Amino acid sequence: DTPGFRVICPTRWTVRAASLQSVLDNYEVLLGVWTESQEGHLDSEIRVRVIGVEAQMHTFDFLFAVALGSLILRHSDNLSKSLQHEHMSAAEGQELVKLTHEVLKSLRQPEQFQLFYQQVIRHQEKLNISPPTLSRKRRAPRHLEAGSADSDGHFHTSPEDHYRQIYYEALDLVISSITARFDQPGYQVYRNVQDLILKACSGHPYDPELEYVCTFYKDD
């Protein structure tokens, strides 16, 4: 009845939602593995690593991060896989990017965060993981205060506020990265050139694309 654990590539597992999800699905099993492995005859260096991994997995920070990574990266993974289709056109690719962008933006709704946060809390309680807590309030050194999150003296009033900020920042980072990757002048040129060729070959009007390409290349 135990879900299968996906093979984890040392260089890529952190950017694959399926691998992160397999960690979540097998979380309790993995905790048991770390405990049992310490009872055997392990090399001292390996034993230290096992103890370290086990300690991390007993923290809410780790559980929250793995769950958040799985939530966000499943959408970017699907986008990446779809864009690699051999028959995918530039225009179709941009439509997929737009759809992914809208889905990720919808996850920024307050009710979506609440749904996600409560789900992680339920996992935490079921797995007997340490509950979410606020770290001790610390001010950054004066020479580092400019631009820091707490430079205005603001501190989170609850663990939920703290993890809400992490949730939104992670989503914003992914959204901005996708936008920066596909909202480039070069990609627009590529799309118009491709659309021009496809429409010309199929007998469809292509005046807008031809005008764009001629304007861009001018006398080249």
N, C-alpha and C. Protein backbone atom coordinates (compact mmCIF):
# COMPACT_ATOMS: atom_id res chain seq x y z
N ASP A 1 0.82 -1.21 0.00
CA ASP A 1 0.00 0.00 0.00
C ASP A 1 0.86 1.27 0.00
N THR A 2 2.18 1.11 0.05
CA THR A 2 3.05 2.28 0.09
C THR A 2 3.28 2.81 -1.33
N PRO A 3 3.03 4.11 -1.57
CA PRO A 3 3.28 4.67 -2.91
C PRO A 3 4.74 4.52 -3.29
N GLY A 4 4.99 4.33 -4.58
CA GLY A 4 6.36 4.17 -5.05
C GLY A 4 7.15 5.46 -4.88
N PHE A 5 8.43 5.29 -4.64
CA PHE A 5 9.31 6.46 -4.50
C PHE A 5 10.07 6.64 -5.79
N ARG A 6 9.98 7.80 -6.40
CA ARG A 6 10.62 8.07 -7.67
C ARG A 6 12.13 8.21 -7.50
N VAL A 7 12.87 7.71 -8.48
CA VAL A 7 14.32 7.85 -8.45
C VAL A 7 14.67 9.32 -8.51
N ILE A 8 15.53 9.75 -7.61
CA ILE A 8 15.89 11.16 -7.51
C ILE A 8 17.25 11.40 -8.13
N CYS A 9 17.29 12.27 -9.13
CA CYS A 9 18.56 12.64 -9.75
C CYS A 9 19.25 13.67 -8.85
N PRO A 10 20.50 13.46 -8.48
CA PRO A 10 21.20 14.38 -7.56
C PRO A 10 21.21 15.83 -8.02
N THR A 11 21.15 16.06 -9.33
CA THR A 11 21.25 17.43 -9.83
C THR A 11 19.91 18.04 -10.20
N ARG A 12 18.83 17.26 -10.20
CA ARG A 12 17.58 17.80 -10.72
C ARG A 12 16.36 17.55 -9.85
N TRP A 13 16.46 16.81 -8.77
CA TRP A 13 15.24 16.43 -8.05
C TRP A 13 14.50 17.63 -7.49
N THR A 14 15.22 18.71 -7.16
CA THR A 14 14.57 19.86 -6.55
C THR A 14 13.73 20.66 -7.54
N VAL A 15 13.86 20.36 -8.84
CA VAL A 15 13.06 21.10 -9.81
C VAL A 15 12.06 20.20 -10.53
N ARG A 16 11.75 19.07 -9.95
CA ARG A 16 10.76 18.17 -10.51
C ARG A 16 9.66 17.93 -9.48
N ALA A 17 8.46 18.34 -9.84
CA ALA A 17 7.33 18.22 -8.91
C ALA A 17 7.05 16.77 -8.54
N ALA A 18 7.19 15.86 -9.50
CA ALA A 18 6.88 14.46 -9.23
C ALA A 18 7.79 13.88 -8.16
N SER A 19 9.06 14.28 -8.16
CA SER A 19 9.99 13.80 -7.15
C SER A 19 9.64 14.36 -5.77
N LEU A 20 9.28 15.65 -5.74
CA LEU A 20 8.88 16.25 -4.47
C LEU A 20 7.60 15.62 -3.95
N GLN A 21 6.67 15.33 -4.87
CA GLN A 21 5.42 14.71 -4.45
C GLN A 21 5.66 13.31 -3.90
N SER A 22 6.63 12.60 -4.47
CA SER A 22 6.92 11.26 -3.97
C SER A 22 7.50 11.32 -2.55
N VAL A 23 8.20 12.41 -2.24
CA VAL A 23 8.69 12.59 -0.87
C VAL A 23 7.50 12.77 0.07
N LEU A 24 6.53 13.59 -0.35
CA LEU A 24 5.34 13.80 0.47
C LEU A 24 4.55 12.51 0.65
N ASP A 25 4.39 11.75 -0.44
CA ASP A 25 3.60 10.52 -0.38
C ASP A 25 4.26 9.46 0.49
N ASN A 26 5.58 9.52 0.59
CA ASN A 26 6.33 8.52 1.36
C ASN A 26 6.97 9.10 2.61
N TYR A 27 6.47 10.23 3.07
CA TYR A 27 7.10 10.95 4.17
C TYR A 27 7.24 10.08 5.42
N GLU A 28 6.16 9.44 5.80
CA GLU A 28 6.19 8.61 7.01
C GLU A 28 7.14 7.43 6.84
N VAL A 29 7.14 6.85 5.65
CA VAL A 29 8.05 5.73 5.38
C VAL A 29 9.50 6.17 5.47
N LEU A 30 9.79 7.34 4.90
CA LEU A 30 11.16 7.85 4.94
C LEU A 30 11.63 8.12 6.36
N LEU A 31 10.75 8.66 7.18
CA LEU A 31 11.12 8.90 8.58
C LEU A 31 11.47 7.59 9.27
N GLY A 32 10.71 6.55 8.95
CA GLY A 32 11.00 5.25 9.52
C GLY A 32 12.32 4.68 9.03
N VAL A 33 12.63 4.93 7.76
CA VAL A 33 13.88 4.45 7.18
C VAL A 33 15.08 5.08 7.88
N TRP A 34 14.99 6.39 8.14
CA TRP A 34 16.11 7.07 8.79
C TRP A 34 16.32 6.52 10.21
N THR A 35 15.23 6.25 10.90
CA THR A 35 15.34 5.72 12.26
C THR A 35 15.95 4.32 12.25
N GLU A 36 15.46 3.47 11.36
CA GLU A 36 15.95 2.09 11.29
C GLU A 36 17.41 2.04 10.85
N SER A 37 17.77 2.91 9.92
CA SER A 37 19.13 2.87 9.38
C SER A 37 20.17 3.21 10.45
N GLN A 38 19.78 4.00 11.44
CA GLN A 38 20.72 4.36 12.49
C GLN A 38 21.01 3.21 13.44
N GLU A 39 20.16 2.19 13.38
CA GLU A 39 20.36 1.02 14.23
C GLU A 39 21.38 0.05 13.63
N GLY A 40 21.68 0.25 12.36
CA GLY A 40 22.64 -0.63 11.69
C GLY A 40 24.06 -0.12 11.85
N HIS A 41 24.97 -0.78 11.16
CA HIS A 41 26.38 -0.42 11.23
C HIS A 41 26.69 0.53 10.07
N LEU A 42 26.59 1.80 10.36
CA LEU A 42 26.82 2.81 9.34
C LEU A 42 28.16 3.49 9.53
N ASP A 43 28.73 3.90 8.41
CA ASP A 43 29.92 4.72 8.47
C ASP A 43 29.58 6.01 9.23
N SER A 44 30.50 6.53 10.01
CA SER A 44 30.22 7.70 10.85
C SER A 44 29.74 8.90 10.03
N GLU A 45 30.31 9.09 8.85
CA GLU A 45 29.91 10.22 8.01
C GLU A 45 28.49 10.04 7.50
N ILE A 46 28.15 8.82 7.09
CA ILE A 46 26.79 8.54 6.61
C ILE A 46 25.79 8.69 7.75
N ARG A 47 26.18 8.22 8.94
CA ARG A 47 25.28 8.33 10.09
C ARG A 47 24.95 9.80 10.39
N VAL A 48 25.96 10.65 10.32
CA VAL A 48 25.74 12.08 10.56
C VAL A 48 24.79 12.66 9.53
N ARG A 49 24.96 12.26 8.28
CA ARG A 49 24.07 12.76 7.23
C ARG A 49 22.64 12.29 7.44
N VAL A 50 22.47 11.03 7.81
CA VAL A 50 21.13 10.48 8.05
C VAL A 50 20.45 11.23 9.19
N ILE A 51 21.21 11.46 10.26
CA ILE A 51 20.65 12.19 11.40
C ILE A 51 20.25 13.60 10.98
N GLY A 52 21.07 14.22 10.14
CA GLY A 52 20.75 15.57 9.67
C GLY A 52 19.50 15.62 8.82
N VAL A 53 19.36 14.65 7.90
CA VAL A 53 18.17 14.59 7.05
C VAL A 53 16.92 14.33 7.89
N GLU A 54 17.05 13.41 8.84
CA GLU A 54 15.91 13.10 9.70
C GLU A 54 15.48 14.33 10.50
N ALA A 55 16.46 15.07 11.01
CA ALA A 55 16.15 16.27 11.80
C ALA A 55 15.44 17.31 10.94
N GLN A 56 15.90 17.49 9.71
CA GLN A 56 15.27 18.45 8.80
C GLN A 56 13.83 18.05 8.48
N MET A 57 13.63 16.76 8.25
CA MET A 57 12.29 16.29 7.89
C MET A 57 11.31 16.36 9.05
N HIS A 58 11.80 16.53 10.24
CA HIS A 58 10.91 16.70 11.40
C HIS A 58 10.54 18.16 11.63
N THR A 59 11.00 19.05 10.76
CA THR A 59 10.68 20.47 10.91
C THR A 59 9.53 20.86 9.98
N PHE A 60 8.74 21.82 10.42
CA PHE A 60 7.63 22.30 9.58
C PHE A 60 8.16 23.02 8.35
N ASP A 61 9.29 23.70 8.50
CA ASP A 61 9.90 24.40 7.37
C ASP A 61 10.12 23.46 6.18
N PHE A 62 10.67 22.29 6.46
CA PHE A 62 10.97 21.33 5.40
C PHE A 62 9.69 20.83 4.75
N LEU A 63 8.72 20.45 5.57
CA LEU A 63 7.45 19.94 5.06
C LEU A 63 6.75 20.99 4.21
N PHE A 64 6.73 22.22 4.68
CA PHE A 64 6.08 23.31 3.96
C PHE A 64 6.78 23.55 2.62
N ALA A 65 8.10 23.55 2.63
CA ALA A 65 8.87 23.81 1.41
C ALA A 65 8.66 22.73 0.36
N VAL A 66 8.66 21.47 0.78
CA VAL A 66 8.45 20.38 -0.17
C VAL A 66 7.04 20.44 -0.76
N ALA A 67 6.05 20.71 0.09
CA ALA A 67 4.67 20.81 -0.38
C ALA A 67 4.50 21.99 -1.34
N LEU A 68 5.11 23.12 -1.02
CA LEU A 68 5.01 24.30 -1.87
C LEU A 68 5.71 24.06 -3.20
N GLY A 69 6.88 23.42 -3.15
CA GLY A 69 7.58 23.12 -4.39
C GLY A 69 6.77 22.20 -5.28
N SER A 70 6.12 21.21 -4.70
CA SER A 70 5.30 20.30 -5.48
C SER A 70 4.11 21.03 -6.10
N LEU A 71 3.49 21.92 -5.33
CA LEU A 71 2.33 22.67 -5.82
C LEU A 71 2.70 23.55 -7.01
N ILE A 72 3.78 24.30 -6.89
CA ILE A 72 4.14 25.26 -7.94
C ILE A 72 4.77 24.58 -9.14
N LEU A 73 5.71 23.67 -8.88
CA LEU A 73 6.48 23.10 -9.98
C LEU A 73 5.68 22.14 -10.85
N ARG A 74 4.55 21.64 -10.34
CA ARG A 74 3.75 20.77 -11.20
C ARG A 74 3.25 21.55 -12.42
N HIS A 75 3.00 22.85 -12.23
CA HIS A 75 2.52 23.68 -13.33
C HIS A 75 3.66 24.04 -14.28
N SER A 76 4.82 24.40 -13.74
CA SER A 76 5.95 24.72 -14.61
C SER A 76 6.48 23.47 -15.30
N ASP A 77 6.40 22.31 -14.64
CA ASP A 77 6.80 21.06 -15.27
C ASP A 77 5.90 20.74 -16.46
N ASN A 78 4.59 20.91 -16.26
CA ASN A 78 3.65 20.64 -17.35
C ASN A 78 3.90 21.58 -18.53
N LEU A 79 4.18 22.84 -18.22
CA LEU A 79 4.49 23.80 -19.27
C LEU A 79 5.75 23.39 -20.03
N SER A 80 6.78 23.04 -19.31
CA SER A 80 8.04 22.65 -19.92
C SER A 80 7.87 21.42 -20.82
N LYS A 81 7.13 20.45 -20.33
CA LYS A 81 6.91 19.22 -21.09
C LYS A 81 6.11 19.51 -22.36
N SER A 82 5.08 20.35 -22.25
CA SER A 82 4.24 20.68 -23.40
C SER A 82 5.01 21.45 -24.46
N LEU A 83 5.87 22.36 -24.02
CA LEU A 83 6.64 23.18 -24.97
C LEU A 83 7.66 22.37 -25.76
N GLN A 84 8.01 21.18 -25.26
CA GLN A 84 8.99 20.35 -25.95
C GLN A 84 8.37 19.47 -27.03
N HIS A 85 7.04 19.56 -27.18
CA HIS A 85 6.38 18.77 -28.22
C HIS A 85 6.88 19.19 -29.59
N GLU A 86 7.20 18.24 -30.43
CA GLU A 86 7.83 18.54 -31.71
C GLU A 86 6.95 19.35 -32.65
N HIS A 87 5.64 19.30 -32.48
CA HIS A 87 4.73 20.03 -33.36
C HIS A 87 4.21 21.32 -32.73
N MET A 88 4.78 21.73 -31.61
CA MET A 88 4.33 22.94 -30.92
C MET A 88 4.83 24.19 -31.65
N SER A 89 3.90 25.08 -32.01
CA SER A 89 4.29 26.33 -32.67
C SER A 89 4.58 27.39 -31.62
N ALA A 90 5.22 28.48 -32.05
CA ALA A 90 5.54 29.56 -31.12
C ALA A 90 4.27 30.19 -30.56
N ALA A 91 3.25 30.35 -31.44
CA ALA A 91 1.98 30.94 -31.00
C ALA A 91 1.29 30.05 -29.97
N GLU A 92 1.28 28.74 -30.24
CA GLU A 92 0.66 27.80 -29.30
C GLU A 92 1.44 27.79 -27.98
N GLY A 93 2.75 27.91 -28.10
CA GLY A 93 3.58 27.96 -26.89
C GLY A 93 3.25 29.15 -26.02
N GLN A 94 3.07 30.30 -26.65
CA GLN A 94 2.73 31.50 -25.88
C GLN A 94 1.36 31.39 -25.23
N GLU A 95 0.43 30.70 -25.89
CA GLU A 95 -0.88 30.49 -25.28
C GLU A 95 -0.77 29.61 -24.04
N LEU A 96 0.09 28.60 -24.12
CA LEU A 96 0.31 27.74 -22.96
C LEU A 96 0.96 28.52 -21.82
N VAL A 97 1.90 29.38 -22.18
CA VAL A 97 2.56 30.23 -21.17
C VAL A 97 1.53 31.13 -20.50
N LYS A 98 0.65 31.71 -21.30
CA LYS A 98 -0.39 32.59 -20.77
C LYS A 98 -1.32 31.83 -19.82
N LEU A 99 -1.68 30.62 -20.21
CA LEU A 99 -2.56 29.81 -19.36
C LEU A 99 -1.88 29.46 -18.05
N THR A 100 -0.60 29.06 -18.12
CA THR A 100 0.15 28.72 -16.90
C THR A 100 0.27 29.94 -16.01
N HIS A 101 0.52 31.09 -16.61
CA HIS A 101 0.63 32.36 -15.88
C HIS A 101 -0.66 32.64 -15.12
N GLU A 102 -1.80 32.44 -15.77
CA GLU A 102 -3.09 32.70 -15.13
C GLU A 102 -3.36 31.73 -13.99
N VAL A 103 -2.99 30.47 -14.19
CA VAL A 103 -3.19 29.46 -13.13
C VAL A 103 -2.35 29.81 -11.91
N LEU A 104 -1.09 30.18 -12.13
CA LEU A 104 -0.21 30.52 -11.01
C LEU A 104 -0.70 31.78 -10.30
N LYS A 105 -1.20 32.76 -11.06
CA LYS A 105 -1.74 33.96 -10.44
C LYS A 105 -2.98 33.65 -9.60
N SER A 106 -3.78 32.69 -10.05
CA SER A 106 -4.98 32.31 -9.28
C SER A 106 -4.61 31.71 -7.93
N LEU A 107 -3.41 31.12 -7.83
CA LEU A 107 -2.96 30.54 -6.57
C LEU A 107 -2.61 31.61 -5.54
N ARG A 108 -2.53 32.88 -5.97
CA ARG A 108 -2.23 33.97 -5.05
C ARG A 108 -3.46 34.46 -4.31
N GLN A 109 -4.62 33.91 -4.64
CA GLN A 109 -5.83 34.30 -3.93
C GLN A 109 -5.74 33.85 -2.47
N PRO A 110 -6.21 34.68 -1.53
CA PRO A 110 -6.12 34.34 -0.10
C PRO A 110 -6.72 32.97 0.23
N GLU A 111 -7.83 32.64 -0.40
CA GLU A 111 -8.46 31.36 -0.10
C GLU A 111 -7.60 30.18 -0.56
N GLN A 112 -6.82 30.40 -1.63
CA GLN A 112 -5.94 29.34 -2.10
C GLN A 112 -4.80 29.10 -1.11
N PHE A 113 -4.27 30.18 -0.55
CA PHE A 113 -3.23 30.01 0.47
C PHE A 113 -3.79 29.28 1.68
N GLN A 114 -4.99 29.68 2.13
CA GLN A 114 -5.60 29.04 3.30
C GLN A 114 -5.79 27.55 3.07
N LEU A 115 -6.26 27.21 1.87
CA LEU A 115 -6.48 25.81 1.54
C LEU A 115 -5.16 25.03 1.60
N PHE A 116 -4.12 25.62 1.02
CA PHE A 116 -2.82 24.96 1.01
C PHE A 116 -2.24 24.86 2.42
N TYR A 117 -2.30 25.95 3.17
CA TYR A 117 -1.71 25.98 4.51
C TYR A 117 -2.39 24.97 5.44
N GLN A 118 -3.70 24.89 5.38
CA GLN A 118 -4.42 23.94 6.23
C GLN A 118 -4.11 22.50 5.85
N GLN A 119 -3.88 22.29 4.56
CA GLN A 119 -3.51 20.94 4.12
C GLN A 119 -2.15 20.55 4.70
N VAL A 120 -1.20 21.49 4.69
CA VAL A 120 0.12 21.21 5.25
C VAL A 120 0.01 20.99 6.76
N ILE A 121 -0.83 21.76 7.42
CA ILE A 121 -1.03 21.59 8.87
C ILE A 121 -1.56 20.20 9.18
N ARG A 122 -2.48 19.73 8.37
CA ARG A 122 -3.03 18.38 8.58
C ARG A 122 -1.93 17.32 8.42
N HIS A 123 -1.07 17.51 7.43
CA HIS A 123 0.06 16.59 7.25
C HIS A 123 0.98 16.65 8.46
N GLN A 124 1.24 17.86 8.94
CA GLN A 124 2.13 18.03 10.08
C GLN A 124 1.60 17.30 11.31
N GLU A 125 0.31 17.42 11.54
CA GLU A 125 -0.30 16.76 12.70
C GLU A 125 -0.29 15.25 12.54
N LYS A 126 -0.57 14.77 11.35
CA LYS A 126 -0.60 13.34 11.09
C LYS A 126 0.78 12.71 11.24
N LEU A 127 1.81 13.44 10.80
CA LEU A 127 3.17 12.91 10.82
C LEU A 127 3.91 13.20 12.12
N ASN A 128 3.26 13.96 13.01
CA ASN A 128 3.87 14.35 14.28
C ASN A 128 5.13 15.18 14.06
N ILE A 129 5.04 16.08 13.08
CA ILE A 129 6.13 17.01 12.79
C ILE A 129 6.00 18.20 13.72
N SER A 130 7.11 18.84 14.02
CA SER A 130 7.06 20.02 14.89
C SER A 130 6.15 21.08 14.27
N PRO A 131 5.30 21.73 15.06
CA PRO A 131 4.35 22.72 14.54
C PRO A 131 5.06 23.99 14.07
N PRO A 132 4.39 24.78 13.25
CA PRO A 132 5.00 26.04 12.77
C PRO A 132 5.19 27.02 13.92
N THR A 133 6.33 27.65 13.95
CA THR A 133 6.63 28.64 14.98
C THR A 133 7.32 29.83 14.34
N LEU A 134 7.33 30.94 15.07
CA LEU A 134 8.05 32.13 14.63
C LEU A 134 9.46 32.10 15.19
N SER A 135 10.42 32.41 14.37
CA SER A 135 11.78 32.49 14.85
C SER A 135 11.94 33.74 15.72
N ARG A 136 12.98 33.75 16.53
CA ARG A 136 13.22 34.88 17.40
C ARG A 136 13.45 36.14 16.58
N LYS A 137 12.85 37.25 17.02
CA LYS A 137 12.97 38.50 16.29
C LYS A 137 14.41 39.01 16.33
N ARG A 138 14.94 39.21 15.15
CA ARG A 138 16.30 39.72 15.05
C ARG A 138 16.35 40.81 13.99
N ARG A 139 17.05 41.85 14.32
CA ARG A 139 17.27 42.91 13.33
C ARG A 139 18.55 42.63 12.55
N ALA A 140 18.51 42.95 11.28
CA ALA A 140 19.72 42.80 10.47
C ALA A 140 20.72 43.86 10.90
N PRO A 141 22.02 43.58 10.73
CA PRO A 141 23.03 44.60 11.03
C PRO A 141 22.71 45.89 10.29
N ARG A 142 23.07 47.00 10.89
CA ARG A 142 22.71 48.30 10.33
C ARG A 142 23.13 48.44 8.87
N HIS A 143 24.33 47.97 8.51
CA HIS A 143 24.81 48.14 7.15
C HIS A 143 24.09 47.23 6.16
N LEU A 144 23.25 46.28 6.66
CA LEU A 144 22.49 45.40 5.78
C LEU A 144 21.00 45.70 5.81
N GLU A 145 20.57 46.66 6.61
CA GLU A 145 19.15 46.92 6.78
C GLU A 145 18.47 47.41 5.52
N ALA A 146 19.14 48.24 4.74
CA ALA A 146 18.51 48.81 3.55
C ALA A 146 18.06 47.71 2.61
N GLY A 147 16.76 47.70 2.34
CA GLY A 147 16.20 46.73 1.42
C GLY A 147 15.85 45.39 2.04
N SER A 148 16.17 45.18 3.31
CA SER A 148 15.84 43.91 3.94
C SER A 148 14.37 43.89 4.34
N ALA A 149 13.83 42.67 4.51
CA ALA A 149 12.41 42.53 4.79
C ALA A 149 12.01 43.21 6.09
N ASP A 150 12.94 43.27 7.06
CA ASP A 150 12.60 43.83 8.37
C ASP A 150 13.22 45.21 8.58
N SER A 151 13.63 45.86 7.50
CA SER A 151 14.29 47.16 7.65
C SER A 151 13.34 48.21 8.20
N ASP A 152 12.03 47.99 8.04
CA ASP A 152 11.07 48.96 8.57
C ASP A 152 10.60 48.58 9.96
N GLY A 153 11.23 47.55 10.55
CA GLY A 153 10.85 47.13 11.89
C GLY A 153 9.64 46.20 11.92
N HIS A 154 9.18 45.77 10.77
CA HIS A 154 8.00 44.90 10.72
C HIS A 154 8.39 43.46 11.03
N PHE A 155 7.62 42.83 11.91
CA PHE A 155 7.80 41.42 12.22
C PHE A 155 6.46 40.72 12.10
N HIS A 156 6.50 39.48 11.68
CA HIS A 156 5.26 38.72 11.56
C HIS A 156 4.67 38.47 12.94
N THR A 157 3.35 38.53 13.00
CA THR A 157 2.66 38.36 14.29
C THR A 157 2.24 36.91 14.53
N SER A 158 2.32 36.08 13.50
CA SER A 158 1.94 34.68 13.66
C SER A 158 2.71 33.84 12.66
N PRO A 159 2.87 32.54 12.94
CA PRO A 159 3.54 31.66 11.98
C PRO A 159 2.84 31.66 10.62
N GLU A 160 1.52 31.75 10.63
CA GLU A 160 0.78 31.74 9.38
C GLU A 160 1.15 32.94 8.51
N ASP A 161 1.33 34.11 9.12
CA ASP A 161 1.75 35.30 8.37
C ASP A 161 3.13 35.08 7.74
N HIS A 162 4.00 34.46 8.49
CA HIS A 162 5.35 34.19 8.01
C HIS A 162 5.32 33.28 6.78
N TYR A 163 4.56 32.20 6.86
CA TYR A 163 4.51 31.25 5.75
C TYR A 163 3.68 31.79 4.59
N ARG A 164 2.77 32.69 4.87
CA ARG A 164 2.03 33.34 3.79
C ARG A 164 2.98 34.16 2.91
N GLN A 165 3.90 34.88 3.56
CA GLN A 165 4.87 35.67 2.80
C GLN A 165 5.74 34.77 1.93
N ILE A 166 6.20 33.65 2.48
CA ILE A 166 7.02 32.71 1.71
C ILE A 166 6.23 32.18 0.52
N TYR A 167 4.97 31.86 0.75
CA TYR A 167 4.09 31.32 -0.30
C TYR A 167 3.97 32.32 -1.45
N TYR A 168 3.68 33.57 -1.13
CA TYR A 168 3.51 34.59 -2.16
C TYR A 168 4.83 34.90 -2.88
N GLU A 169 5.92 34.96 -2.14
CA GLU A 169 7.21 35.25 -2.75
C GLU A 169 7.62 34.15 -3.73
N ALA A 170 7.35 32.90 -3.37
CA ALA A 170 7.68 31.78 -4.26
C ALA A 170 6.87 31.85 -5.55
N LEU A 171 5.58 32.14 -5.42
CA LEU A 171 4.73 32.26 -6.61
C LEU A 171 5.18 33.43 -7.48
N ASP A 172 5.47 34.56 -6.86
CA ASP A 172 5.89 35.74 -7.62
C ASP A 172 7.19 35.48 -8.37
N LEU A 173 8.09 34.73 -7.75
CA LEU A 173 9.37 34.43 -8.38
C LEU A 173 9.17 33.58 -9.64
N VAL A 174 8.33 32.56 -9.53
CA VAL A 174 8.08 31.69 -10.67
C VAL A 174 7.35 32.44 -11.78
N ILE A 175 6.35 33.24 -11.41
CA ILE A 175 5.59 34.00 -12.40
C ILE A 175 6.50 34.98 -13.14
N SER A 176 7.34 35.70 -12.41
CA SER A 176 8.23 36.67 -13.04
C SER A 176 9.27 35.98 -13.91
N SER A 177 9.72 34.81 -13.50
CA SER A 177 10.71 34.08 -14.29
C SER A 177 10.12 33.60 -15.61
N ILE A 178 8.90 33.09 -15.57
CA ILE A 178 8.23 32.64 -16.79
C ILE A 178 7.98 33.83 -17.72
N THR A 179 7.54 34.94 -17.14
CA THR A 179 7.28 36.14 -17.94
C THR A 179 8.56 36.62 -18.62
N ALA A 180 9.65 36.68 -17.85
CA ALA A 180 10.91 37.15 -18.40
C ALA A 180 11.43 36.23 -19.50
N ARG A 181 11.15 34.95 -19.37
CA ARG A 181 11.65 33.98 -20.36
C ARG A 181 10.91 34.10 -21.69
N PHE A 182 9.62 34.36 -21.66
CA PHE A 182 8.84 34.31 -22.90
C PHE A 182 8.35 35.67 -23.39
N ASP A 183 8.52 36.70 -22.61
CA ASP A 183 8.13 38.04 -23.06
C ASP A 183 9.38 38.80 -23.50
N GLN A 184 10.00 38.30 -24.57
CA GLN A 184 11.24 38.87 -25.09
C GLN A 184 11.06 39.26 -26.56
N PRO A 185 11.72 40.32 -26.99
CA PRO A 185 11.62 40.74 -28.39
C PRO A 185 11.98 39.62 -29.36
N GLY A 186 13.02 38.85 -29.03
CA GLY A 186 13.44 37.77 -29.92
C GLY A 186 12.38 36.72 -30.11
N TYR A 187 11.63 36.43 -29.03
CA TYR A 187 10.57 35.43 -29.15
C TYR A 187 9.42 35.95 -30.00
N GLN A 188 9.14 37.24 -29.90
CA GLN A 188 8.09 37.84 -30.72
C GLN A 188 8.45 37.77 -32.20
N VAL A 189 9.71 38.01 -32.51
CA VAL A 189 10.17 37.91 -33.90
C VAL A 189 10.01 36.48 -34.40
N TYR A 190 10.46 35.55 -33.57
CA TYR A 190 10.37 34.13 -33.93
C TYR A 190 8.92 33.73 -34.18
N ARG A 191 8.02 34.19 -33.34
CA ARG A 191 6.61 33.84 -33.49
C ARG A 191 6.05 34.40 -34.79
N ASN A 192 6.35 35.65 -35.09
CA ASN A 192 5.80 36.26 -36.30
C ASN A 192 6.37 35.64 -37.57
N VAL A 193 7.67 35.31 -37.55
CA VAL A 193 8.27 34.64 -38.71
C VAL A 193 7.62 33.28 -38.93
N GLN A 194 7.43 32.54 -37.85
CA GLN A 194 6.82 31.22 -37.96
C GLN A 194 5.37 31.31 -38.42
N ASP A 195 4.62 32.25 -37.85
CA ASP A 195 3.22 32.43 -38.26
C ASP A 195 3.13 32.85 -39.73
N LEU A 196 4.06 33.70 -40.16
CA LEU A 196 4.07 34.14 -41.55
C LEU A 196 4.24 32.96 -42.50
N ILE A 197 5.19 32.09 -42.19
CA ILE A 197 5.45 30.93 -43.05
C ILE A 197 4.27 29.97 -43.05
N LEU A 198 3.74 29.69 -41.86
CA LEU A 198 2.63 28.74 -41.75
C LEU A 198 1.38 29.25 -42.47
N LYS A 199 1.07 30.53 -42.28
CA LYS A 199 -0.13 31.09 -42.91
C LYS A 199 0.03 31.19 -44.42
N ALA A 200 1.23 31.53 -44.87
CA ALA A 200 1.48 31.62 -46.32
C ALA A 200 1.35 30.25 -46.97
N CYS A 201 1.85 29.23 -46.32
CA CYS A 201 1.79 27.88 -46.87
C CYS A 201 0.36 27.33 -46.88
N SER A 202 -0.44 27.75 -45.91
CA SER A 202 -1.81 27.24 -45.81
C SER A 202 -2.84 28.13 -46.51
N GLY A 203 -2.37 29.24 -47.11
CA GLY A 203 -3.28 30.10 -47.85
C GLY A 203 -4.09 31.04 -47.00
N HIS A 204 -3.69 31.29 -45.75
CA HIS A 204 -4.40 32.21 -44.86
C HIS A 204 -3.78 33.60 -44.95
N PRO A 205 -4.58 34.65 -44.66
CA PRO A 205 -4.03 36.02 -44.67
C PRO A 205 -2.87 36.16 -43.69
N TYR A 206 -1.85 36.88 -44.08
CA TYR A 206 -0.66 37.02 -43.23
C TYR A 206 -0.13 38.45 -43.21
N ASP A 207 -0.96 39.41 -43.54
CA ASP A 207 -0.53 40.80 -43.61
C ASP A 207 0.10 41.32 -42.32
N PRO A 208 -0.52 41.10 -41.14
CA PRO A 208 0.09 41.62 -39.90
C PRO A 208 1.49 41.05 -39.65
N GLU A 209 1.64 39.74 -39.88
CA GLU A 209 2.93 39.10 -39.66
C GLU A 209 3.98 39.60 -40.66
N LEU A 210 3.58 39.77 -41.92
CA LEU A 210 4.51 40.26 -42.94
C LEU A 210 4.96 41.68 -42.61
N GLU A 211 4.02 42.51 -42.16
CA GLU A 211 4.38 43.88 -41.81
C GLU A 211 5.35 43.91 -40.64
N TYR A 212 5.11 43.05 -39.64
CA TYR A 212 6.00 43.00 -38.48
C TYR A 212 7.40 42.57 -38.89
N VAL A 213 7.50 41.52 -39.69
CA VAL A 213 8.80 41.00 -40.11
C VAL A 213 9.54 42.02 -40.97
N CYS A 214 8.83 42.68 -41.90
CA CYS A 214 9.47 43.66 -42.76
C CYS A 214 9.95 44.87 -41.96
N THR A 215 9.15 45.26 -40.99
CA THR A 215 9.54 46.40 -40.14
C THR A 215 10.77 46.07 -39.31
N PHE A 216 10.80 44.82 -38.81
CA PHE A 216 11.92 44.43 -37.96
C PHE A 216 13.22 44.30 -38.75
N TYR A 217 13.17 43.63 -39.90
CA TYR A 217 14.39 43.37 -40.64
C TYR A 217 14.75 44.52 -41.61
N LYS A 218 13.74 45.34 -41.97
CA LYS A 218 13.96 46.49 -42.86
C LYS A 218 14.71 46.07 -44.12
N ASP A 219 15.91 46.58 -44.31
CA ASP A 219 16.64 46.32 -45.56
C ASP A 219 17.62 45.15 -45.48
N ASP A 220 17.55 44.37 -44.39
CA ASP A 220 18.49 43.25 -44.26
C ASP A 220 18.25 42.20 -45.35
